[in-house]
Each structure stands twice: as C-alpha cells, then as structure tokens.
Amino acid sequence: MLLLVAFLLLVALPAHAFVVGFGHRHAATPGAVDTALLKRGAVWLLSAVLAIGVTQALQV
C-alpha cells in the first residue's frame, strides 16, 4: 500500500497537474491563483492520507 501511495504522490499527482493543471482554457489574470488546480491537489493529497489511515487502521 505504501508503494501505491508513493506512486500517487511522486508520479501521478505531478503528471496530473502537468497535463490538466497547466493547460488553461480560459484567460486568467496575471498573478491569479488557479483554484481548480489547488482543489485537485488537495483532493489527491486527502485521498493519499485517507488511504494511509485506512491501511493503518486495518493493520491494528
């Protein structure tokens, strides 16, 4: 399970951000924060934390 989480954090999350997060389809104002990218990143990180928590709970 830790290999899966490591893969998600080190490979899948950056690849997802690069493919989906950097290709803006709308004209954003310079200096604006990409909230959609932040939301996707937060969901990815939350799912990784939940996966670790479930794994730890099941091992006890």
Protein backbone atom coordinates (compact mmCIF):
# COMPACT_ATOMS: atom_id res chain seq x y z
CA MET A 1 0.00 0.00 0.00
CA LEU A 2 2.86 2.36 0.74
CA LEU A 3 4.22 1.80 -2.77
CA LEU A 4 0.84 2.77 -4.18
CA VAL A 5 0.72 5.94 -2.10
CA ALA A 6 4.30 6.78 -3.05
CA PHE A 7 3.44 6.30 -6.73
CA LEU A 8 0.40 8.55 -6.39
CA LEU A 9 2.34 11.32 -4.69
CA LEU A 10 5.54 11.15 -6.73
CA VAL A 11 4.30 10.22 -10.20
CA ALA A 12 0.54 10.50 -10.67
CA LEU A 13 -0.06 13.80 -8.88
CA PRO A 14 2.67 15.75 -10.71
CA ALA A 15 1.70 14.17 -14.03
CA HIS A 16 -1.94 15.05 -13.46
CA ALA A 17 -1.03 18.62 -12.53
CA PHE A 18 1.20 18.94 -15.58
CA VAL A 19 -1.35 17.54 -18.05
CA VAL A 20 -4.54 19.02 -16.63
CA GLY A 21 -3.43 21.86 -14.40
CA PHE A 22 -1.17 23.89 -16.64
CA GLY A 23 -3.33 23.94 -19.77
CA HIS A 24 -5.61 26.91 -19.14
CA ARG A 25 -8.62 27.14 -21.40
CA HIS A 26 -9.68 30.50 -20.06
CA ALA A 27 -7.79 33.74 -19.91
CA ALA A 28 -6.66 34.13 -16.32
CA THR A 29 -5.47 37.40 -14.93
CA PRO A 30 -1.72 37.53 -14.31
CA GLY A 31 -0.82 36.60 -10.76
CA ALA A 32 -4.15 34.87 -10.10
CA VAL A 33 -4.21 31.59 -8.21
CA ASP A 34 -5.51 28.57 -10.13
CA THR A 35 -8.15 27.40 -7.66
CA ALA A 36 -9.10 24.35 -9.72
CA LEU A 37 -5.51 23.09 -9.56
CA LEU A 38 -5.40 23.71 -5.82
CA LYS A 39 -8.66 21.80 -5.33
CA ARG A 40 -7.42 18.85 -7.39
CA GLY A 41 -4.16 18.78 -5.45
CA ALA A 42 -5.99 18.90 -2.14
CA VAL A 43 -8.25 16.02 -3.17
CA TRP A 44 -5.25 13.93 -4.28
CA LEU A 45 -3.42 14.57 -1.02
CA LEU A 46 -6.54 13.91 1.07
CA SER A 47 -7.11 10.62 -0.71
CA ALA A 48 -3.49 9.61 -0.04
CA VAL A 49 -3.88 10.46 3.66
CA LEU A 50 -7.14 8.51 3.81
CA ALA A 51 -5.53 5.51 2.13
CA ILE A 52 -2.71 5.55 4.68
CA GLY A 53 -5.19 5.94 7.55
CA VAL A 54 -7.34 3.03 6.37
CA THR A 55 -4.25 0.87 5.90
CA GLN A 56 -3.01 1.66 9.37
CA ALA A 57 -6.45 1.03 10.90
CA LEU A 58 -6.73 -2.36 9.21
CA GLN A 59 -3.28 -3.46 10.38
CA VAL A 60 -4.11 -2.98 14.07
